Amino acid sequence: MAAEHGLMHAATESAPAPAPWRGSASLRFEQHRGQTRHQGGARSPLKLQRAFAQASGHCELPLLHTAGGLVGGDQLRIEASLGAGSRALLTSVAAQKVYGSIGRSRSHPAGRWAQQQLVFALDSGSDLEWLPQELVLYAGALYDQQATVELATDASFLAAEVVRLGRTAAGEGLEQGCWRSSLEIRRQGPSGPRFELVDRLELGGAALEGEHGLAGEPVFGSLVWAAPQPLAAEALAALLAAARDARRGLEGAMACGALEQGLVARYRGGSSQAARFWFSRLWALIRAERGQAAPELPRVWPFQEQPLAALAAPNCSA
């Protein structure tokens, strides 16, 4: 029944829209005897999957969206708080689909927004990696994500997302749809909290074709790392150089730059795989910079790929 929710809504223009989902997950991670454990729960259509312990000490926890995709009016809320010294990796079991809503309903001909809200709070010395699988917007889809992150002075937050605007394999673009995202990261300091990053993006209309937008490309990706402490100038320069070198052999336009305490990277191109590969390599470089164990690709990721292979073969051709 849950999987039919999106499919029925996407297929019939004249039928009344089904009631939207209001899914949520509330999680708490705590360190106990050198291991991170989680507690909490989820409300349909979100479901928690089995957690795994990575060699780095991260508690890898996949989230499953059981409804077969988001439709206009659906709302998801994911909350996670991390206790002192805990480490967590949150991911998704599958790519998230957002069905078109513009012109699909008599009562809402202009469409309705599907929304996701992320609320993360990290205590001292904690470490959260937010690495969902790809987001795919169908033609006429409207999607809005708002993320707020509260960091202790020495907490670390890494997030990477890849978005495909339109089902390009089927010859479909986003058309009149729109994707927008707001990310706010605040860190506690000696004189109180301060904004470390405020990142607001919107892709739709002219921005899909404009040179300062997607320039006609269907895939956009973004990675942000808020480091637990400022990096020395030499270490930051070396990290950025390695990140740029990790682009070799991948198609698309890729750029990265320094934050006051961390880095940000962007992808624009035609390949979700290339974006995923580059971000996986950056993930590995960041883990190495922190002296942590190399990443283990989450077990729920279905890809038969080796995105980290280039790091072990630095002389590969561009």
C-alpha atoms as a PDB file:
ATOM      1  CA  MET A   1       0.000   0.000   0.000  1.00  0.00           C
ATOM      2  CA  ALA A   2       2.722   2.496   0.909  1.00  0.00           C
ATOM      3  CA  ALA A   3       4.541   2.107  -2.391  1.00  0.00           C
ATOM      4  CA  GLU A   4       1.333   2.853  -4.306  1.00  0.00           C
ATOM      5  CA  HIS A   5       1.005   6.302  -2.737  1.00  0.00           C
ATOM      6  CA  GLY A   6       3.431   8.049  -5.113  1.00  0.00           C
ATOM      7  CA  LEU A   7       2.588   5.992  -8.176  1.00  0.00           C
ATOM      8  CA  MET A   8      -1.148   6.591  -7.991  1.00  0.00           C
ATOM      9  CA  HIS A   9      -0.682  10.304  -7.456  1.00  0.00           C
ATOM     10  CA  ALA A  10       1.803  10.633 -10.314  1.00  0.00           C
ATOM     11  CA  ALA A  11      -0.308   8.730 -12.826  1.00  0.00           C
ATOM     12  CA  THR A  12      -3.717  10.382 -12.601  1.00  0.00           C
ATOM     13  CA  GLU A  13      -4.221  14.077 -13.315  1.00  0.00           C
ATOM     14  CA  SER A  14      -7.935  14.289 -12.621  1.00  0.00           C
ATOM     15  CA  ALA A  15      -8.164  12.104  -9.512  1.00  0.00           C
ATOM     16  CA  PRO A  16      -8.208  13.761  -6.073  1.00  0.00           C
ATOM     17  CA  ALA A  17      -4.764  13.745  -4.471  1.00  0.00           C
ATOM     18  CA  PRO A  18      -4.324  11.262  -1.619  1.00  0.00           C
ATOM     19  CA  ALA A  19      -3.572  12.622   1.820  1.00  0.00           C
ATOM     20  CA  PRO A  20       0.124  13.576   2.072  1.00  0.00           C
ATOM     21  CA  TRP A  21       2.549  11.695   4.250  1.00  0.00           C
ATOM     22  CA  ARG A  22       3.990  13.221   7.429  1.00  0.00           C
ATOM     23  CA  GLY A  23       6.975  11.000   8.098  1.00  0.00           C
ATOM     24  CA  SER A  24       9.594  11.514  10.782  1.00  0.00           C
ATOM     25  CA  ALA A  25      12.631   9.991  12.459  1.00  0.00           C
ATOM     26  CA  SER A  26      14.091  11.019  15.815  1.00  0.00           C
ATOM     27  CA  LEU A  27      17.493   9.629  16.737  1.00  0.00           C
ATOM     28  CA  ARG A  28      19.988   9.870  19.569  1.00  0.00           C
ATOM     29  CA  PHE A  29      23.579   8.599  19.343  1.00  0.00           C
ATOM     30  CA  GLU A  30      25.741   7.987  22.403  1.00  0.00           C
ATOM     31  CA  GLN A  31      29.258   6.670  22.868  1.00  0.00           C
ATOM     32  CA  HIS A  32      29.474   3.674  25.176  1.00  0.00           C
ATOM     33  CA  ARG A  33      32.780   1.887  25.880  1.00  0.00           C
ATOM     34  CA  GLY A  34      34.318   3.087  22.642  1.00  0.00           C
ATOM     35  CA  GLN A  35      31.305   2.281  20.466  1.00  0.00           C
ATOM     36  CA  THR A  36      28.483   4.473  19.245  1.00  0.00           C
ATOM     37  CA  ARG A  37      24.972   3.189  19.812  1.00  0.00           C
ATOM     38  CA  HIS A  38      21.677   4.675  18.775  1.00  0.00           C
ATOM     39  CA  GLN A  39      18.167   4.825  20.088  1.00  0.00           C
ATOM     40  CA  GLY A  40      14.988   6.423  18.811  1.00  0.00           C
ATOM     41  CA  GLY A  41      12.357   5.592  16.254  1.00  0.00           C
ATOM     42  CA  ALA A  42      10.624   6.521  13.033  1.00  0.00           C
ATOM     43  CA  ARG A  43       7.100   7.141  11.825  1.00  0.00           C
ATOM     44  CA  SER A  44       5.825   5.898   8.468  1.00  0.00           C
ATOM     45  CA  PRO A  45       6.827   6.183   5.702  1.00  0.00           C
ATOM     46  CA  LEU A  46      10.328   6.347   7.248  1.00  0.00           C
ATOM     47  CA  LYS A  47      11.783   3.176   8.743  1.00  0.00           C
ATOM     48  CA  LEU A  48      15.086   2.518  10.493  1.00  0.00           C
ATOM     49  CA  GLN A  49      17.199  -0.308   9.127  1.00  0.00           C
ATOM     50  CA  ARG A  50      19.834  -2.387  10.873  1.00  0.00           C
ATOM     51  CA  ALA A  51      22.846  -0.394  12.074  1.00  0.00           C
ATOM     52  CA  PHE A  52      26.466  -1.404  11.448  1.00  0.00           C
ATOM     53  CA  ALA A  53      29.683  -0.446  13.231  1.00  0.00           C
ATOM     54  CA  GLN A  54      32.347   0.902  10.867  1.00  0.00           C
ATOM     55  CA  ALA A  55      36.063   0.499  11.601  1.00  0.00           C
ATOM     56  CA  SER A  56      36.246   4.273  12.090  1.00  0.00           C
ATOM     57  CA  GLY A  57      33.852   4.029  15.029  1.00  0.00           C
ATOM     58  CA  HIS A  58      30.905   5.454  13.076  1.00  0.00           C
ATOM     59  CA  CYS A  59      27.501   3.899  13.659  1.00  0.00           C
ATOM     60  CA  GLU A  60      26.208   3.414  10.102  1.00  0.00           C
ATOM     61  CA  LEU A  61      22.407   3.736  10.143  1.00  0.00           C
ATOM     62  CA  PRO A  62      20.345   3.500   6.921  1.00  0.00           C
ATOM     63  CA  LEU A  63      16.906   5.096   6.627  1.00  0.00           C
ATOM     64  CA  LEU A  64      14.282   3.531   4.367  1.00  0.00           C
ATOM     65  CA  HIS A  65      11.519   5.581   2.746  1.00  0.00           C
ATOM     66  CA  THR A  66       8.785   2.998   2.188  1.00  0.00           C
ATOM     67  CA  ALA A  67       6.331   5.089   0.151  1.00  0.00           C
ATOM     68  CA  GLY A  68       7.987   4.670  -3.255  1.00  0.00           C
ATOM     69  CA  GLY A  69       8.716   8.398  -3.603  1.00  0.00           C
ATOM     70  CA  LEU A  70       7.545  11.851  -2.538  1.00  0.00           C
ATOM     71  CA  VAL A  71       4.556  13.659  -3.989  1.00  0.00           C
ATOM     72  CA  GLY A  72       3.391  17.248  -3.563  1.00  0.00           C
ATOM     73  CA  GLY A  73       2.450  17.976   0.035  1.00  0.00           C
ATOM     74  CA  ASP A  74       4.531  15.167   1.555  1.00  0.00           C
ATOM     75  CA  GLN A  75       6.714  16.185   4.482  1.00  0.00           C
ATOM     76  CA  LEU A  76       9.635  14.372   6.070  1.00  0.00           C
ATOM     77  CA  ARG A  77      11.479  15.417   9.212  1.00  0.00           C
ATOM     78  CA  ILE A  78      14.710  13.804  10.389  1.00  0.00           C
ATOM     79  CA  GLU A  79      16.199  14.763  13.744  1.00  0.00           C
ATOM     80  CA  ALA A  80      19.487  13.465  15.092  1.00  0.00           C
ATOM     81  CA  SER A  81      21.391  14.449  18.212  1.00  0.00           C
ATOM     82  CA  LEU A  82      24.884  13.164  18.947  1.00  0.00           C
ATOM     83  CA  GLY A  83      26.279  12.858  22.451  1.00  0.00           C
ATOM     84  CA  ALA A  84      29.857  13.745  23.316  1.00  0.00           C
ATOM     85  CA  GLY A  85      32.413  11.716  21.365  1.00  0.00           C
ATOM     86  CA  SER A  86      29.852   9.767  19.345  1.00  0.00           C
ATOM     87  CA  ARG A  87      30.201   9.096  15.616  1.00  0.00           C
ATOM     88  CA  ALA A  88      27.347   8.423  13.175  1.00  0.00           C
ATOM     89  CA  LEU A  89      26.845   7.953   9.452  1.00  0.00           C
ATOM     90  CA  LEU A  90      23.284   8.436   8.218  1.00  0.00           C
ATOM     91  CA  THR A  91      22.387   7.287   4.727  1.00  0.00           C
ATOM     92  CA  SER A  92      19.370   6.155   2.698  1.00  0.00           C
ATOM     93  CA  VAL A  93      18.577   2.687   1.419  1.00  0.00           C
ATOM     94  CA  ALA A  94      17.714   3.848  -2.120  1.00  0.00           C
ATOM     95  CA  ALA A  95      17.566   6.897  -4.342  1.00  0.00           C
ATOM     96  CA  GLN A  96      14.715   9.216  -3.423  1.00  0.00           C
ATOM     97  CA  LYS A  97      12.182  10.007  -6.167  1.00  0.00           C
ATOM     98  CA  VAL A  98      10.087  13.196  -6.218  1.00  0.00           C
ATOM     99  CA  TYR A  99       7.088  12.942  -8.530  1.00  0.00           C
ATOM    100  CA  GLY A 100       5.782  15.849 -10.566  1.00  0.00           C
ATOM    101  CA  SER A 101       2.895  17.810  -9.075  1.00  0.00           C
ATOM    102  CA  ILE A 102       2.466  20.795 -11.428  1.00  0.00           C
ATOM    103  CA  GLY A 103      -0.728  20.357 -13.443  1.00  0.00           C
ATOM    104  CA  ARG A 104      -1.518  17.035 -11.797  1.00  0.00           C
ATOM    105  CA  SER A 105      -4.375  18.113  -9.528  1.00  0.00           C
ATOM    106  CA  ARG A 106      -7.490  20.195 -10.093  1.00  0.00           C
ATOM    107  CA  SER A 107      -7.328  21.535  -6.549  1.00  0.00           C
ATOM    108  CA  HIS A 108      -3.618  22.483  -6.823  1.00  0.00           C
ATOM    109  CA  PRO A 109      -2.892  23.124 -10.526  1.00  0.00           C
ATOM    110  CA  ALA A 110       0.288  25.072  -9.686  1.00  0.00           C
ATOM    111  CA  GLY A 111       1.614  22.060  -7.834  1.00  0.00           C
ATOM    112  CA  ARG A 112       2.554  21.473  -4.210  1.00  0.00           C
ATOM    113  CA  TRP A 113       5.977  21.295  -2.612  1.00  0.00           C
ATOM    114  CA  ALA A 114       7.375  18.103  -1.168  1.00  0.00           C
ATOM    115  CA  GLN A 115       9.471  19.058   1.837  1.00  0.00           C
ATOM    116  CA  GLN A 116      12.223  17.568   3.945  1.00  0.00           C
ATOM    117  CA  GLN A 117      13.511  19.085   7.174  1.00  0.00           C
ATOM    118  CA  LEU A 118      16.791  18.044   8.751  1.00  0.00           C
ATOM    119  CA  VAL A 119      17.666  19.041  12.324  1.00  0.00           C
ATOM    120  CA  PHE A 120      21.057  17.939  13.643  1.00  0.00           C
ATOM    121  CA  ALA A 121      22.661  18.792  17.009  1.00  0.00           C
ATOM    122  CA  LEU A 122      26.221  17.671  17.784  1.00  0.00           C
ATOM    123  CA  ASP A 123      27.831  17.703  21.219  1.00  0.00           C
ATOM    124  CA  SER A 124      31.542  18.037  21.996  1.00  0.00           C
ATOM    125  CA  GLY A 125      33.854  15.821  19.959  1.00  0.00           C
ATOM    126  CA  SER A 126      31.014  14.206  18.013  1.00  0.00           C
ATOM    127  CA  ASP A 127      31.056  13.480  14.293  1.00  0.00           C
ATOM    128  CA  LEU A 128      28.095  13.196  11.897  1.00  0.00           C
ATOM    129  CA  GLU A 129      28.270  12.176   8.229  1.00  0.00           C
ATOM    130  CA  TRP A 130      25.037  12.749   6.273  1.00  0.00           C
ATOM    131  CA  LEU A 131      25.398  10.819   3.002  1.00  0.00           C
ATOM    132  CA  PRO A 132      22.031  10.015   1.396  1.00  0.00           C
ATOM    133  CA  GLN A 133      21.756   8.407  -2.012  1.00  0.00           C
ATOM    134  CA  GLU A 134      20.760  10.360  -5.105  1.00  0.00           C
ATOM    135  CA  LEU A 135      17.640  12.549  -5.252  1.00  0.00           C
ATOM    136  CA  VAL A 136      15.732  12.334  -8.573  1.00  0.00           C
ATOM    137  CA  LEU A 137      13.157  14.978  -9.465  1.00  0.00           C
ATOM    138  CA  TYR A 138      10.607  14.092 -12.148  1.00  0.00           C
ATOM    139  CA  ALA A 139       9.273  16.690 -14.589  1.00  0.00           C
ATOM    140  CA  GLY A 140       7.136  19.238 -12.758  1.00  0.00           C
ATOM    141  CA  ALA A 141       8.381  18.214  -9.308  1.00  0.00           C
ATOM    142  CA  LEU A 142       8.700  20.782  -6.509  1.00  0.00           C
ATOM    143  CA  TYR A 143      11.106  19.940  -3.691  1.00  0.00           C
ATOM    144  CA  ASP A 144      12.327  22.006  -0.745  1.00  0.00           C
ATOM    145  CA  GLN A 145      14.882  20.927   1.861  1.00  0.00           C
ATOM    146  CA  GLN A 146      15.748  22.891   4.974  1.00  0.00           C
ATOM    147  CA  ALA A 147      18.657  21.756   7.131  1.00  0.00           C
ATOM    148  CA  THR A 148      19.850  23.266  10.402  1.00  0.00           C
ATOM    149  CA  VAL A 149      23.006  22.025  12.139  1.00  0.00           C
ATOM    150  CA  GLU A 150      24.123  23.046  15.624  1.00  0.00           C
ATOM    151  CA  LEU A 151      27.748  22.196  16.394  1.00  0.00           C
ATOM    152  CA  ALA A 152      29.739  22.164  19.592  1.00  0.00           C
ATOM    153  CA  THR A 153      33.102  23.916  19.370  1.00  0.00           C
ATOM    154  CA  ASP A 154      34.978  20.755  18.345  1.00  0.00           C
ATOM    155  CA  ALA A 155      32.262  18.770  16.508  1.00  0.00           C
ATOM    156  CA  SER A 156      32.573  17.666  12.858  1.00  0.00           C
ATOM    157  CA  PHE A 157      29.811  17.611  10.229  1.00  0.00           C
ATOM    158  CA  LEU A 158      30.126  16.234   6.696  1.00  0.00           C
ATOM    159  CA  ALA A 159      27.246  16.269   4.201  1.00  0.00           C
ATOM    160  CA  ALA A 160      27.136  15.310   0.523  1.00  0.00           C
ATOM    161  CA  GLU A 161      24.120  15.222  -1.775  1.00  0.00           C
ATOM    162  CA  VAL A 162      23.607  14.519  -5.479  1.00  0.00           C
ATOM    163  CA  VAL A 163      20.479  15.725  -7.306  1.00  0.00           C
ATOM    164  CA  ARG A 164      19.284  14.746 -10.791  1.00  0.00           C
ATOM    165  CA  LEU A 165      16.811  17.257 -12.245  1.00  0.00           C
ATOM    166  CA  GLY A 166      14.617  15.278 -14.627  1.00  0.00           C
ATOM    167  CA  ARG A 167      14.726  11.668 -15.796  1.00  0.00           C
ATOM    168  CA  THR A 168      17.211  12.363 -18.547  1.00  0.00           C
ATOM    169  CA  ALA A 169      17.488   8.698 -19.592  1.00  0.00           C
ATOM    170  CA  ALA A 170      13.824   8.972 -20.614  1.00  0.00           C
ATOM    171  CA  GLY A 171      14.414  12.274 -22.418  1.00  0.00           C
ATOM    172  CA  GLU A 172      12.750  14.252 -19.637  1.00  0.00           C
ATOM    173  CA  GLY A 173      13.899  17.472 -18.004  1.00  0.00           C
ATOM    174  CA  LEU A 174      12.665  19.222 -14.889  1.00  0.00           C
ATOM    175  CA  GLU A 175      10.410  21.478 -17.035  1.00  0.00           C
ATOM    176  CA  GLN A 176       8.487  23.842 -14.719  1.00  0.00           C
ATOM    177  CA  GLY A 177       9.660  22.100 -11.582  1.00  0.00           C
ATOM    178  CA  CYS A 178      12.065  23.473  -8.988  1.00  0.00           C
ATOM    179  CA  TRP A 179      14.578  22.254  -6.424  1.00  0.00           C
ATOM    180  CA  ARG A 180      15.661  24.414  -3.540  1.00  0.00           C
ATOM    181  CA  SER A 181      17.810  23.902  -0.488  1.00  0.00           C
ATOM    182  CA  SER A 182      18.724  25.818   2.647  1.00  0.00           C
ATOM    183  CA  LEU A 183      21.606  24.772   4.898  1.00  0.00           C
ATOM    184  CA  GLU A 184      22.496  26.650   8.072  1.00  0.00           C
ATOM    185  CA  ILE A 185      25.419  25.562  10.231  1.00  0.00           C
ATOM    186  CA  ARG A 186      26.019  27.254  13.579  1.00  0.00           C
ATOM    187  CA  ARG A 187      28.923  26.554  15.910  1.00  0.00           C
ATOM    188  CA  GLN A 188      29.256  27.357  19.582  1.00  0.00           C
ATOM    189  CA  GLY A 189      32.117  29.728  20.369  1.00  0.00           C
ATOM    190  CA  PRO A 190      33.533  31.592  23.365  1.00  0.00           C
ATOM    191  CA  SER A 191      31.028  34.407  22.894  1.00  0.00           C
ATOM    192  CA  GLY A 192      28.082  32.242  21.874  1.00  0.00           C
ATOM    193  CA  PRO A 193      26.916  30.615  18.644  1.00  0.00           C
ATOM    194  CA  ARG A 194      28.048  31.946  15.274  1.00  0.00           C
ATOM    195  CA  PHE A 195      27.037  31.022  11.755  1.00  0.00           C
ATOM    196  CA  GLU A 196      29.709  28.938  10.069  1.00  0.00           C
ATOM    197  CA  LEU A 197      27.786  28.571   6.812  1.00  0.00           C
ATOM    198  CA  VAL A 198      24.492  29.789   5.370  1.00  0.00           C
ATOM    199  CA  ASP A 199      23.960  28.168   1.969  1.00  0.00           C
ATOM    200  CA  ARG A 200      20.716  28.782   0.061  1.00  0.00           C
ATOM    201  CA  LEU A 201      20.265  27.436  -3.461  1.00  0.00           C
ATOM    202  CA  GLU A 202      17.412  27.257  -5.956  1.00  0.00           C
ATOM    203  CA  LEU A 203      17.459  25.538  -9.340  1.00  0.00           C
ATOM    204  CA  GLY A 204      14.529  26.018 -11.687  1.00  0.00           C
ATOM    205  CA  GLY A 205      13.464  28.188 -14.616  1.00  0.00           C
ATOM    206  CA  ALA A 206      16.307  30.228 -16.118  1.00  0.00           C
ATOM    207  CA  ALA A 207      18.832  28.795 -13.630  1.00  0.00           C
ATOM    208  CA  LEU A 208      18.596  25.416 -15.357  1.00  0.00           C
ATOM    209  CA  GLU A 209      20.109  26.793 -18.544  1.00  0.00           C
ATOM    210  CA  GLY A 210      22.065  29.847 -17.350  1.00  0.00           C
ATOM    211  CA  GLU A 211      25.854  29.735 -17.167  1.00  0.00           C
ATOM    212  CA  HIS A 212      25.719  30.717 -13.488  1.00  0.00           C
ATOM    213  CA  GLY A 213      23.287  27.873 -12.873  1.00  0.00           C
ATOM    214  CA  LEU A 214      23.362  24.398 -14.385  1.00  0.00           C
ATOM    215  CA  ALA A 215      24.175  25.502 -17.956  1.00  0.00           C
ATOM    216  CA  GLY A 216      21.840  22.836 -19.310  1.00  0.00           C
ATOM    217  CA  GLU A 217      23.356  19.992 -17.288  1.00  0.00           C
ATOM    218  CA  PRO A 218      20.997  17.693 -15.370  1.00  0.00           C
ATOM    219  CA  VAL A 219      23.072  16.827 -12.275  1.00  0.00           C
ATOM    220  CA  PHE A 220      24.063  19.023  -9.348  1.00  0.00           C
ATOM    221  CA  GLY A 221      26.029  17.970  -6.307  1.00  0.00           C
ATOM    222  CA  SER A 222      27.218  19.654  -3.128  1.00  0.00           C
ATOM    223  CA  LEU A 223      29.567  18.579  -0.340  1.00  0.00           C
ATOM    224  CA  VAL A 224      30.236  20.529   2.850  1.00  0.00           C
ATOM    225  CA  TRP A 225      32.638  19.750   5.665  1.00  0.00           C
ATOM    226  CA  ALA A 226      32.550  21.755   8.887  1.00  0.00           C
ATOM    227  CA  ALA A 227      35.834  20.695  10.494  1.00  0.00           C
ATOM    228  CA  PRO A 228      36.209  20.233  14.251  1.00  0.00           C
ATOM    229  CA  GLN A 229      39.004  22.791  14.369  1.00  0.00           C
ATOM    230  CA  PRO A 230      40.650  25.261  11.966  1.00  0.00           C
ATOM    231  CA  LEU A 231      43.186  23.636   9.669  1.00  0.00           C
ATOM    232  CA  ALA A 232      46.696  25.025   9.403  1.00  0.00           C
ATOM    233  CA  ALA A 233      47.215  26.900   6.152  1.00  0.00           C
ATOM    234  CA  GLU A 234      49.600  24.263   4.798  1.00  0.00           C
ATOM    235  CA  ALA A 235      47.291  21.377   5.670  1.00  0.00           C
ATOM    236  CA  LEU A 236      44.272  23.112   4.132  1.00  0.00           C
ATOM    237  CA  ALA A 237      46.180  23.906   0.929  1.00  0.00           C
ATOM    238  CA  ALA A 238      47.313  20.289   0.658  1.00  0.00           C
ATOM    239  CA  LEU A 239      43.773  19.001   1.242  1.00  0.00           C
ATOM    240  CA  LEU A 240      42.316  21.268  -1.444  1.00  0.00           C
ATOM    241  CA  ALA A 241      45.049  20.274  -3.880  1.00  0.00           C
ATOM    242  CA  ALA A 242      44.328  16.594  -3.257  1.00  0.00           C
ATOM    243  CA  ALA A 243      40.602  17.236  -3.673  1.00  0.00           C
ATOM    244  CA  ARG A 244      41.165  18.881  -7.053  1.00  0.00           C
ATOM    245  CA  ASP A 245      43.504  16.104  -8.123  1.00  0.00           C
ATOM    246  CA  ALA A 246      40.785  13.578  -7.259  1.00  0.00           C
ATOM    247  CA  ARG A 247      38.694  14.961 -10.157  1.00  0.00           C
ATOM    248  CA  ARG A 248      40.888  13.204 -12.705  1.00  0.00           C
ATOM    249  CA  GLY A 249      39.082  10.751 -14.954  1.00  0.00           C
ATOM    250  CA  LEU A 250      35.645  12.135 -14.073  1.00  0.00           C
ATOM    251  CA  GLU A 251      33.338  14.068 -16.382  1.00  0.00           C
ATOM    252  CA  GLY A 252      31.646  17.343 -15.420  1.00  0.00           C
ATOM    253  CA  ALA A 253      32.669  20.635 -13.844  1.00  0.00           C
ATOM    254  CA  MET A 254      33.973  20.362 -10.277  1.00  0.00           C
ATOM    255  CA  ALA A 255      35.199  23.070  -7.928  1.00  0.00           C
ATOM    256  CA  CYS A 256      36.115  23.266  -4.254  1.00  0.00           C
ATOM    257  CA  GLY A 257      37.178  25.984  -1.863  1.00  0.00           C
ATOM    258  CA  ALA A 258      37.941  26.679   1.759  1.00  0.00           C
ATOM    259  CA  LEU A 259      35.525  27.668   4.471  1.00  0.00           C
ATOM    260  CA  GLU A 260      36.747  29.453   7.566  1.00  0.00           C
ATOM    261  CA  GLN A 261      36.822  26.014   9.198  1.00  0.00           C
ATOM    262  CA  GLY A 262      36.448  23.308   6.545  1.00  0.00           C
ATOM    263  CA  LEU A 263      35.632  23.165   2.841  1.00  0.00           C
ATOM    264  CA  VAL A 264      32.809  23.159   0.288  1.00  0.00           C
ATOM    265  CA  ALA A 265      32.707  21.375  -3.087  1.00  0.00           C
ATOM    266  CA  ARG A 266      30.275  21.588  -6.020  1.00  0.00           C
ATOM    267  CA  TYR A 267      29.565  19.373  -9.009  1.00  0.00           C
ATOM    268  CA  ARG A 268      27.749  20.279 -12.249  1.00  0.00           C
ATOM    269  CA  GLY A 269      27.509  17.858 -15.120  1.00  0.00           C
ATOM    270  CA  GLY A 270      25.713  14.951 -16.715  1.00  0.00           C
ATOM    271  CA  SER A 271      26.839  12.043 -14.532  1.00  0.00           C
ATOM    272  CA  SER A 272      25.489  11.126 -11.118  1.00  0.00           C
ATOM    273  CA  GLN A 273      28.223   8.518 -10.936  1.00  0.00           C
ATOM    274  CA  ALA A 274      30.974  11.099 -11.480  1.00  0.00           C
ATOM    275  CA  ALA A 275      29.562  13.302  -8.704  1.00  0.00           C
ATOM    276  CA  ARG A 276      29.287  10.303  -6.396  1.00  0.00           C
ATOM    277  CA  PHE A 277      32.827   9.180  -7.193  1.00  0.00           C
ATOM    278  CA  TRP A 278      34.335  12.601  -6.521  1.00  0.00           C
ATOM    279  CA  PHE A 279      32.468  13.074  -3.264  1.00  0.00           C
ATOM    280  CA  SER A 280      33.466   9.576  -2.123  1.00  0.00           C
ATOM    281  CA  ARG A 281      37.102  10.481  -2.758  1.00  0.00           C
ATOM    282  CA  LEU A 282      36.724  13.729  -0.821  1.00  0.00           C
ATOM    283  CA  TRP A 283      35.151  11.744   1.997  1.00  0.00           C
ATOM    284  CA  ALA A 284      38.229   9.510   2.075  1.00  0.00           C
ATOM    285  CA  LEU A 285      40.603  12.491   2.029  1.00  0.00           C
ATOM    286  CA  ILE A 286      38.750  14.115   4.913  1.00  0.00           C
ATOM    287  CA  ARG A 287      38.819  10.879   6.923  1.00  0.00           C
ATOM    288  CA  ALA A 288      42.575  10.647   6.297  1.00  0.00           C
ATOM    289  CA  GLU A 289      43.108  14.284   7.310  1.00  0.00           C
ATOM    290  CA  ARG A 290      41.415  13.478  10.602  1.00  0.00           C
ATOM    291  CA  GLY A 291      43.474  10.316  11.146  1.00  0.00           C
ATOM    292  CA  GLN A 292      40.390   8.099  10.906  1.00  0.00           C
ATOM    293  CA  ALA A 293      39.927   4.742   9.206  1.00  0.00           C
ATOM    294  CA  ALA A 294      39.179   4.848   5.486  1.00  0.00           C
ATOM    295  CA  PRO A 295      35.482   4.991   4.542  1.00  0.00           C
ATOM    296  CA  GLU A 296      33.507   1.819   4.126  1.00  0.00           C
ATOM    297  CA  LEU A 297      30.798   2.198   1.507  1.00  0.00           C
ATOM    298  CA  PRO A 298      27.444   1.646   3.246  1.00  0.00           C
ATOM    299  CA  ARG A 299      26.173  -1.887   2.794  1.00  0.00           C
ATOM    300  CA  VAL A 300      22.805  -0.703   1.463  1.00  0.00           C
ATOM    301  CA  TRP A 301      24.369   1.155  -1.466  1.00  0.00           C
ATOM    302  CA  PRO A 302      23.642  -0.964  -4.556  1.00  0.00           C
ATOM    303  CA  PHE A 303      26.523   0.254  -6.719  1.00  0.00           C
ATOM    304  CA  GLN A 304      29.029  -2.245  -8.066  1.00  0.00           C
ATOM    305  CA  GLU A 305      31.662   0.467  -8.217  1.00  0.00           C
ATOM    306  CA  GLN A 306      35.083   1.374  -6.865  1.00  0.00           C
ATOM    307  CA  PRO A 307      34.924   5.149  -6.363  1.00  0.00           C
ATOM    308  CA  LEU A 308      38.019   5.185  -4.169  1.00  0.00           C
ATOM    309  CA  ALA A 309      40.249   3.297  -6.596  1.00  0.00           C
ATOM    310  CA  ALA A 310      41.797   6.472  -8.064  1.00  0.00           C
ATOM    311  CA  LEU A 311      43.224   7.375  -4.659  1.00  0.00           C
ATOM    312  CA  ALA A 312      45.271   4.188  -4.756  1.00  0.00           C
ATOM    313  CA  ALA A 313      46.349   4.883  -8.363  1.00  0.00           C
ATOM    314  CA  PRO A 314      47.467   8.545  -8.484  1.00  0.00           C
ATOM    315  CA  ASN A 315      49.043   8.203 -11.924  1.00  0.00           C
ATOM    316  CA  CYS A 316      45.807   7.315 -13.706  1.00  0.00           C
ATOM    317  CA  SER A 317      45.132   9.332 -16.836  1.00  0.00           C
ATOM    318  CA  ALA A 318      42.740  12.266 -16.772  1.00  0.00           C
END
